[in-house]
Amino acid sequence: MTLSKVDERCFVCGMANPAGLHVSFTIDKETQAASAHLSLKDEYQGWSGIVHGGILSTLLDEVCMHAARTIGDQMVTAEITVRYKKPVPVGSEIFLQGRVVGLHKRLVLAEGTIELSGTLMAEAEAKIFCLNKSWSSKNSTAD
């Protein structure tokens, strides 16, 4: 997936944002999924040696959004619920994964996870609102 010029300033995935995380997502349109591997430096620390929960929530929001963008391009998060399972140590390589799990009218329902060495560290459920009706033909039943 190629990012539009507007997305280049995104805090998570924008490569033109000098303060950003510069996360590069792998997108699978067929399975309506997105994923990424990354390590977070101590600039994103909350408590000593632990990644700030707000950063983890942001990453979950973004991986859910990238999964949703497999079926439409103008999306905004309407609601996200995050559950933290274990603290994520700064500097550890984490795996983000998101996938579309349903459609309801103009809402895309997505789930996201953060794993460390196969262990679930945090998870989210997101409702993502489609601003335009650019659903792919595969999902044309959504209204």
N, C-alpha and C. Protein backbone atom coordinates (compact mmCIF):
# COMPACT_ATOMS: atom_id res chain seq x y z
N MET A 1 0.85 -1.18 0.00
CA MET A 1 0.00 0.00 0.00
C MET A 1 0.89 1.23 0.00
N THR A 2 0.60 2.17 -0.84
CA THR A 2 1.34 3.41 -0.90
C THR A 2 0.59 4.47 -0.10
N LEU A 3 1.33 5.20 0.72
CA LEU A 3 0.70 6.24 1.52
C LEU A 3 0.47 7.48 0.68
N SER A 4 -0.64 8.15 0.94
CA SER A 4 -0.88 9.43 0.28
C SER A 4 0.02 10.48 0.91
N LYS A 5 0.16 11.64 0.25
CA LYS A 5 1.01 12.70 0.77
C LYS A 5 0.54 13.17 2.14
N VAL A 6 -0.76 13.16 2.37
CA VAL A 6 -1.30 13.58 3.68
C VAL A 6 -0.78 12.65 4.77
N ASP A 7 -0.66 11.37 4.50
CA ASP A 7 -0.23 10.39 5.49
C ASP A 7 1.26 10.49 5.83
N GLU A 8 2.05 11.15 5.02
CA GLU A 8 3.49 11.22 5.24
C GLU A 8 3.86 11.92 6.56
N ARG A 9 2.94 12.67 7.13
CA ARG A 9 3.20 13.33 8.41
C ARG A 9 2.63 12.54 9.60
N CYS A 10 2.03 11.40 9.33
CA CYS A 10 1.46 10.58 10.40
C CYS A 10 2.53 10.26 11.44
N PHE A 11 2.17 10.38 12.72
CA PHE A 11 3.11 10.11 13.81
C PHE A 11 3.62 8.67 13.78
N VAL A 12 2.77 7.73 13.40
CA VAL A 12 3.18 6.32 13.42
C VAL A 12 3.86 5.91 12.12
N CYS A 13 3.22 6.12 10.98
CA CYS A 13 3.74 5.56 9.73
C CYS A 13 4.33 6.58 8.76
N GLY A 14 4.22 7.85 9.07
CA GLY A 14 4.71 8.88 8.16
C GLY A 14 6.22 8.98 8.17
N MET A 15 6.82 8.85 7.01
CA MET A 15 8.28 8.92 6.93
C MET A 15 8.78 10.37 6.91
N ALA A 16 7.89 11.33 6.68
CA ALA A 16 8.29 12.74 6.65
C ALA A 16 8.13 13.42 8.02
N ASN A 17 7.76 12.68 9.03
CA ASN A 17 7.60 13.24 10.36
C ASN A 17 8.86 12.94 11.18
N PRO A 18 9.70 13.93 11.44
CA PRO A 18 10.95 13.67 12.14
C PRO A 18 10.76 13.15 13.56
N ALA A 19 9.64 13.43 14.19
CA ALA A 19 9.37 12.95 15.54
C ALA A 19 8.62 11.63 15.55
N GLY A 20 8.28 11.11 14.36
CA GLY A 20 7.44 9.92 14.25
C GLY A 20 8.16 8.62 14.52
N LEU A 21 7.36 7.56 14.56
CA LEU A 21 7.87 6.20 14.79
C LEU A 21 8.39 5.53 13.52
N HIS A 22 7.94 6.00 12.36
CA HIS A 22 8.38 5.47 11.05
C HIS A 22 8.14 3.96 10.92
N VAL A 23 6.98 3.52 11.33
CA VAL A 23 6.62 2.11 11.24
C VAL A 23 6.23 1.78 9.81
N SER A 24 6.80 0.72 9.28
CA SER A 24 6.48 0.26 7.93
C SER A 24 5.57 -0.97 8.04
N PHE A 25 4.35 -0.82 7.57
CA PHE A 25 3.36 -1.89 7.67
C PHE A 25 3.36 -2.76 6.43
N THR A 26 3.15 -4.04 6.62
CA THR A 26 2.89 -4.97 5.54
C THR A 26 1.38 -5.11 5.45
N ILE A 27 0.85 -4.92 4.25
CA ILE A 27 -0.59 -4.94 4.03
C ILE A 27 -0.96 -6.15 3.18
N ASP A 28 -2.02 -6.86 3.59
CA ASP A 28 -2.53 -7.98 2.81
C ASP A 28 -4.00 -7.71 2.50
N LYS A 29 -4.26 -7.21 1.29
CA LYS A 29 -5.64 -6.86 0.91
C LYS A 29 -6.54 -8.08 0.88
N GLU A 30 -6.00 -9.21 0.47
CA GLU A 30 -6.82 -10.42 0.36
C GLU A 30 -7.37 -10.86 1.71
N THR A 31 -6.55 -10.82 2.75
CA THR A 31 -7.01 -11.23 4.09
C THR A 31 -7.46 -10.05 4.94
N GLN A 32 -7.39 -8.83 4.36
CA GLN A 32 -7.78 -7.60 5.05
C GLN A 32 -7.03 -7.46 6.38
N ALA A 33 -5.70 -7.56 6.27
CA ALA A 33 -4.86 -7.55 7.45
C ALA A 33 -3.65 -6.63 7.25
N ALA A 34 -3.04 -6.26 8.37
CA ALA A 34 -1.83 -5.45 8.37
C ALA A 34 -0.94 -5.94 9.50
N SER A 35 0.38 -5.78 9.32
CA SER A 35 1.31 -6.20 10.36
C SER A 35 2.60 -5.39 10.27
N ALA A 36 3.36 -5.43 11.35
CA ALA A 36 4.65 -4.74 11.39
C ALA A 36 5.47 -5.27 12.55
N HIS A 37 6.78 -5.21 12.39
CA HIS A 37 7.74 -5.50 13.46
C HIS A 37 8.44 -4.20 13.80
N LEU A 38 8.68 -3.94 15.07
CA LEU A 38 9.44 -2.77 15.45
C LEU A 38 9.95 -2.88 16.88
N SER A 39 10.92 -2.05 17.18
CA SER A 39 11.43 -1.89 18.55
C SER A 39 11.23 -0.45 18.94
N LEU A 40 10.83 -0.22 20.17
CA LEU A 40 10.59 1.14 20.66
C LEU A 40 11.72 1.55 21.60
N LYS A 41 12.31 2.70 21.31
CA LYS A 41 13.41 3.23 22.10
C LYS A 41 12.91 3.80 23.41
N ASP A 42 13.85 4.15 24.27
CA ASP A 42 13.46 4.67 25.58
C ASP A 42 12.80 6.04 25.53
N GLU A 43 12.79 6.70 24.37
CA GLU A 43 12.03 7.96 24.24
C GLU A 43 10.54 7.73 24.44
N TYR A 44 10.10 6.48 24.30
CA TYR A 44 8.68 6.15 24.40
C TYR A 44 8.36 5.44 25.72
N GLN A 45 9.23 5.63 26.68
CA GLN A 45 9.09 5.02 28.00
C GLN A 45 8.03 5.72 28.83
N GLY A 46 7.29 4.95 29.59
CA GLY A 46 6.40 5.48 30.62
C GLY A 46 7.12 5.28 31.94
N TRP A 47 6.79 4.20 32.63
CA TRP A 47 7.50 3.83 33.85
C TRP A 47 8.88 3.31 33.44
N SER A 48 9.83 3.31 34.34
CA SER A 48 11.21 2.93 34.07
C SER A 48 11.32 1.59 33.31
N GLY A 49 11.84 1.68 32.07
CA GLY A 49 12.08 0.48 31.27
C GLY A 49 10.86 -0.09 30.57
N ILE A 50 9.71 0.56 30.69
CA ILE A 50 8.46 0.05 30.13
C ILE A 50 7.91 1.06 29.11
N VAL A 51 7.45 0.56 27.95
CA VAL A 51 6.86 1.42 26.93
C VAL A 51 5.56 2.03 27.48
N HIS A 52 5.36 3.31 27.23
CA HIS A 52 4.16 4.03 27.68
C HIS A 52 2.92 3.40 27.06
N GLY A 53 1.88 3.21 27.85
CA GLY A 53 0.63 2.62 27.37
C GLY A 53 -0.02 3.42 26.26
N GLY A 54 0.14 4.73 26.28
CA GLY A 54 -0.43 5.57 25.22
C GLY A 54 0.21 5.29 23.87
N ILE A 55 1.50 4.97 23.86
CA ILE A 55 2.20 4.61 22.62
C ILE A 55 1.67 3.27 22.12
N LEU A 56 1.48 2.32 23.03
CA LEU A 56 0.95 1.01 22.63
C LEU A 56 -0.46 1.16 22.06
N SER A 57 -1.28 1.98 22.70
CA SER A 57 -2.63 2.23 22.20
C SER A 57 -2.59 2.86 20.81
N THR A 58 -1.68 3.79 20.61
CA THR A 58 -1.52 4.43 19.30
C THR A 58 -1.15 3.40 18.25
N LEU A 59 -0.24 2.50 18.57
CA LEU A 59 0.17 1.46 17.62
C LEU A 59 -0.99 0.52 17.28
N LEU A 60 -1.79 0.17 18.28
CA LEU A 60 -2.95 -0.68 18.03
C LEU A 60 -3.97 0.03 17.15
N ASP A 61 -4.19 1.30 17.40
CA ASP A 61 -5.09 2.09 16.56
C ASP A 61 -4.60 2.08 15.12
N GLU A 62 -3.33 2.29 14.93
CA GLU A 62 -2.76 2.38 13.58
C GLU A 62 -2.80 1.05 12.84
N VAL A 63 -2.52 -0.06 13.52
CA VAL A 63 -2.54 -1.36 12.81
C VAL A 63 -3.98 -1.72 12.45
N CYS A 64 -4.94 -1.37 13.29
CA CYS A 64 -6.36 -1.59 12.95
C CYS A 64 -6.75 -0.72 11.76
N MET A 65 -6.29 0.52 11.75
CA MET A 65 -6.59 1.43 10.65
C MET A 65 -6.00 0.94 9.33
N HIS A 66 -4.77 0.45 9.36
CA HIS A 66 -4.15 -0.06 8.13
C HIS A 66 -4.90 -1.29 7.62
N ALA A 67 -5.38 -2.13 8.51
CA ALA A 67 -6.20 -3.27 8.09
C ALA A 67 -7.49 -2.77 7.44
N ALA A 68 -8.13 -1.79 8.06
CA ALA A 68 -9.39 -1.24 7.53
C ALA A 68 -9.18 -0.59 6.17
N ARG A 69 -8.04 0.02 5.96
CA ARG A 69 -7.78 0.69 4.69
C ARG A 69 -7.58 -0.29 3.53
N THR A 70 -7.65 -1.58 3.81
CA THR A 70 -7.63 -2.55 2.71
C THR A 70 -8.96 -2.55 1.96
N ILE A 71 -9.99 -1.95 2.56
CA ILE A 71 -11.31 -1.95 1.90
C ILE A 71 -11.86 -0.55 1.64
N GLY A 72 -11.19 0.47 2.11
CA GLY A 72 -11.60 1.85 1.88
C GLY A 72 -10.46 2.77 2.23
N ASP A 73 -10.45 3.97 1.65
CA ASP A 73 -9.27 4.79 1.88
C ASP A 73 -9.47 5.96 2.83
N GLN A 74 -10.65 6.43 3.03
CA GLN A 74 -10.86 7.56 3.93
C GLN A 74 -11.56 7.08 5.19
N MET A 75 -10.77 6.80 6.21
CA MET A 75 -11.27 6.21 7.45
C MET A 75 -10.82 7.03 8.65
N VAL A 76 -11.64 7.01 9.69
CA VAL A 76 -11.26 7.58 10.99
C VAL A 76 -11.72 6.62 12.09
N THR A 77 -10.96 6.57 13.16
CA THR A 77 -11.34 5.72 14.28
C THR A 77 -12.51 6.35 15.01
N ALA A 78 -13.57 5.58 15.18
CA ALA A 78 -14.75 6.04 15.92
C ALA A 78 -14.65 5.64 17.39
N GLU A 79 -14.07 4.47 17.62
CA GLU A 79 -13.98 3.96 19.00
C GLU A 79 -12.90 2.89 19.03
N ILE A 80 -12.14 2.86 20.13
CA ILE A 80 -11.15 1.80 20.31
C ILE A 80 -11.13 1.40 21.77
N THR A 81 -11.08 0.11 22.00
CA THR A 81 -10.97 -0.44 23.35
C THR A 81 -9.67 -1.22 23.42
N VAL A 82 -8.82 -0.84 24.35
CA VAL A 82 -7.50 -1.46 24.49
C VAL A 82 -7.45 -2.22 25.81
N ARG A 83 -6.87 -3.41 25.75
CA ARG A 83 -6.64 -4.21 26.95
C ARG A 83 -5.14 -4.51 27.03
N TYR A 84 -4.52 -4.06 28.10
CA TYR A 84 -3.10 -4.30 28.31
C TYR A 84 -2.96 -5.59 29.10
N LYS A 85 -2.17 -6.51 28.59
CA LYS A 85 -2.01 -7.82 29.24
C LYS A 85 -0.72 -7.88 30.07
N LYS A 86 0.37 -7.35 29.50
CA LYS A 86 1.68 -7.37 30.16
C LYS A 86 2.45 -6.13 29.77
N PRO A 87 3.34 -5.65 30.63
CA PRO A 87 4.16 -4.50 30.26
C PRO A 87 5.13 -4.86 29.14
N VAL A 88 5.35 -3.92 28.24
CA VAL A 88 6.27 -4.12 27.11
C VAL A 88 7.59 -3.44 27.45
N PRO A 89 8.67 -4.20 27.57
CA PRO A 89 9.96 -3.59 27.87
C PRO A 89 10.47 -2.73 26.71
N VAL A 90 11.04 -1.58 27.04
CA VAL A 90 11.66 -0.72 26.04
C VAL A 90 12.76 -1.50 25.33
N GLY A 91 12.86 -1.31 24.02
CA GLY A 91 13.93 -1.93 23.24
C GLY A 91 13.63 -3.33 22.74
N SER A 92 12.54 -3.93 23.19
CA SER A 92 12.21 -5.29 22.73
C SER A 92 11.52 -5.21 21.37
N GLU A 93 11.73 -6.23 20.54
CA GLU A 93 11.07 -6.26 19.24
C GLU A 93 9.66 -6.81 19.40
N ILE A 94 8.70 -5.99 18.99
CA ILE A 94 7.30 -6.39 19.09
C ILE A 94 6.73 -6.62 17.69
N PHE A 95 5.65 -7.38 17.66
CA PHE A 95 4.95 -7.69 16.41
C PHE A 95 3.53 -7.16 16.54
N LEU A 96 3.15 -6.29 15.60
CA LEU A 96 1.79 -5.74 15.54
C LEU A 96 1.02 -6.48 14.47
N GLN A 97 -0.23 -6.77 14.76
CA GLN A 97 -1.07 -7.40 13.76
C GLN A 97 -2.49 -6.88 13.90
N GLY A 98 -3.11 -6.56 12.77
CA GLY A 98 -4.49 -6.10 12.75
C GLY A 98 -5.25 -6.78 11.63
N ARG A 99 -6.55 -6.92 11.84
CA ARG A 99 -7.37 -7.55 10.80
C ARG A 99 -8.80 -7.06 10.91
N VAL A 100 -9.44 -7.02 9.76
CA VAL A 100 -10.86 -6.68 9.71
C VAL A 100 -11.64 -7.92 10.13
N VAL A 101 -12.58 -7.72 11.05
CA VAL A 101 -13.39 -8.85 11.52
C VAL A 101 -14.87 -8.69 11.18
N GLY A 102 -15.24 -7.52 10.66
CA GLY A 102 -16.64 -7.34 10.29
C GLY A 102 -16.91 -5.97 9.70
N LEU A 103 -18.06 -5.88 9.08
CA LEU A 103 -18.53 -4.63 8.51
C LEU A 103 -19.96 -4.43 8.97
N HIS A 104 -20.29 -3.21 9.30
CA HIS A 104 -21.66 -2.88 9.69
C HIS A 104 -21.96 -1.49 9.16
N LYS A 105 -22.75 -1.45 8.11
CA LYS A 105 -23.05 -0.19 7.42
C LYS A 105 -21.74 0.46 7.03
N ARG A 106 -21.42 1.64 7.57
CA ARG A 106 -20.16 2.31 7.21
C ARG A 106 -19.09 2.16 8.28
N LEU A 107 -19.25 1.18 9.17
CA LEU A 107 -18.24 0.90 10.19
C LEU A 107 -17.46 -0.37 9.82
N VAL A 108 -16.16 -0.27 9.93
CA VAL A 108 -15.29 -1.43 9.79
C VAL A 108 -14.94 -1.85 11.22
N LEU A 109 -15.13 -3.10 11.53
CA LEU A 109 -14.77 -3.63 12.84
C LEU A 109 -13.42 -4.33 12.69
N ALA A 110 -12.46 -3.94 13.51
CA ALA A 110 -11.11 -4.49 13.39
C ALA A 110 -10.58 -4.88 14.76
N GLU A 111 -9.64 -5.81 14.75
CA GLU A 111 -8.95 -6.23 15.97
C GLU A 111 -7.46 -6.08 15.75
N GLY A 112 -6.76 -5.71 16.81
CA GLY A 112 -5.31 -5.57 16.73
C GLY A 112 -4.65 -6.21 17.93
N THR A 113 -3.41 -6.67 17.74
CA THR A 113 -2.65 -7.26 18.83
C THR A 113 -1.20 -6.79 18.78
N ILE A 114 -0.60 -6.80 19.95
CA ILE A 114 0.84 -6.60 20.09
C ILE A 114 1.39 -7.83 20.78
N GLU A 115 2.38 -8.46 20.15
CA GLU A 115 3.00 -9.65 20.72
C GLU A 115 4.49 -9.43 20.89
N LEU A 116 5.04 -10.10 21.87
CA LEU A 116 6.47 -10.12 22.12
C LEU A 116 6.88 -11.58 22.26
N SER A 117 7.68 -12.05 21.32
CA SER A 117 8.12 -13.46 21.32
C SER A 117 6.95 -14.42 21.43
N GLY A 118 5.86 -14.12 20.73
CA GLY A 118 4.69 -14.99 20.71
C GLY A 118 3.74 -14.81 21.89
N THR A 119 4.06 -13.93 22.82
CA THR A 119 3.21 -13.68 23.98
C THR A 119 2.38 -12.43 23.73
N LEU A 120 1.08 -12.53 23.97
CA LEU A 120 0.18 -11.40 23.81
C LEU A 120 0.45 -10.36 24.90
N MET A 121 0.78 -9.13 24.48
CA MET A 121 1.09 -8.06 25.41
C MET A 121 -0.07 -7.06 25.54
N ALA A 122 -0.78 -6.83 24.43
CA ALA A 122 -1.92 -5.91 24.43
C ALA A 122 -2.79 -6.25 23.23
N GLU A 123 -4.07 -5.89 23.35
CA GLU A 123 -5.00 -6.15 22.26
C GLU A 123 -6.04 -5.04 22.21
N ALA A 124 -6.66 -4.91 21.04
CA ALA A 124 -7.67 -3.85 20.88
C ALA A 124 -8.77 -4.30 19.94
N GLU A 125 -9.92 -3.70 20.14
CA GLU A 125 -11.04 -3.80 19.22
C GLU A 125 -11.34 -2.37 18.79
N ALA A 126 -11.50 -2.17 17.48
CA ALA A 126 -11.74 -0.82 16.97
C ALA A 126 -12.95 -0.80 16.05
N LYS A 127 -13.66 0.32 16.13
CA LYS A 127 -14.73 0.63 15.19
C LYS A 127 -14.20 1.79 14.36
N ILE A 128 -14.10 1.57 13.07
CA ILE A 128 -13.51 2.56 12.18
C ILE A 128 -14.56 3.00 11.18
N PHE A 129 -14.78 4.31 11.12
CA PHE A 129 -15.83 4.87 10.29
C PHE A 129 -15.29 5.21 8.91
N CYS A 130 -16.01 4.78 7.88
CA CYS A 130 -15.64 5.09 6.51
C CYS A 130 -16.28 6.42 6.12
N LEU A 131 -15.44 7.40 5.78
CA LEU A 131 -15.94 8.72 5.40
C LEU A 131 -16.51 8.75 4.00
N ASN A 132 -15.99 7.90 3.13
CA ASN A 132 -16.54 7.78 1.79
C ASN A 132 -17.03 6.35 1.62
N LYS A 133 -17.75 6.09 0.59
CA LYS A 133 -18.27 4.74 0.39
C LYS A 133 -17.43 3.98 -0.62
N SER A 134 -16.11 4.03 -0.45
CA SER A 134 -15.20 3.41 -1.40
C SER A 134 -14.89 1.96 -1.04
N TRP A 135 -15.92 1.21 -0.68
CA TRP A 135 -15.72 -0.21 -0.37
C TRP A 135 -15.27 -0.93 -1.62
N SER A 136 -14.44 -1.92 -1.45
CA SER A 136 -14.06 -2.72 -2.61
C SER A 136 -15.27 -3.54 -3.05
N SER A 137 -15.27 -4.02 -4.28
CA SER A 137 -16.39 -4.80 -4.81
C SER A 137 -16.62 -6.05 -3.95
N LYS A 138 -15.57 -6.55 -3.37
CA LYS A 138 -15.64 -7.74 -2.50
C LYS A 138 -16.54 -7.48 -1.30
N ASN A 139 -16.65 -6.20 -0.88
CA ASN A 139 -17.41 -5.84 0.31
C ASN A 139 -18.58 -4.92 -0.02
N SER A 140 -19.10 -5.03 -1.21
CA SER A 140 -20.11 -4.08 -1.68
C SER A 140 -21.45 -4.21 -0.95
N THR A 141 -21.61 -5.19 -0.11
CA THR A 141 -22.87 -5.34 0.62
C THR A 141 -22.95 -4.33 1.77
N ALA A 142 -21.83 -3.74 2.16
CA ALA A 142 -21.87 -2.75 3.22
C ALA A 142 -22.53 -1.48 2.69
N ASP A 143 -23.33 -0.84 3.52
CA ASP A 143 -23.95 0.41 3.08
C ASP A 143 -23.59 1.48 4.04
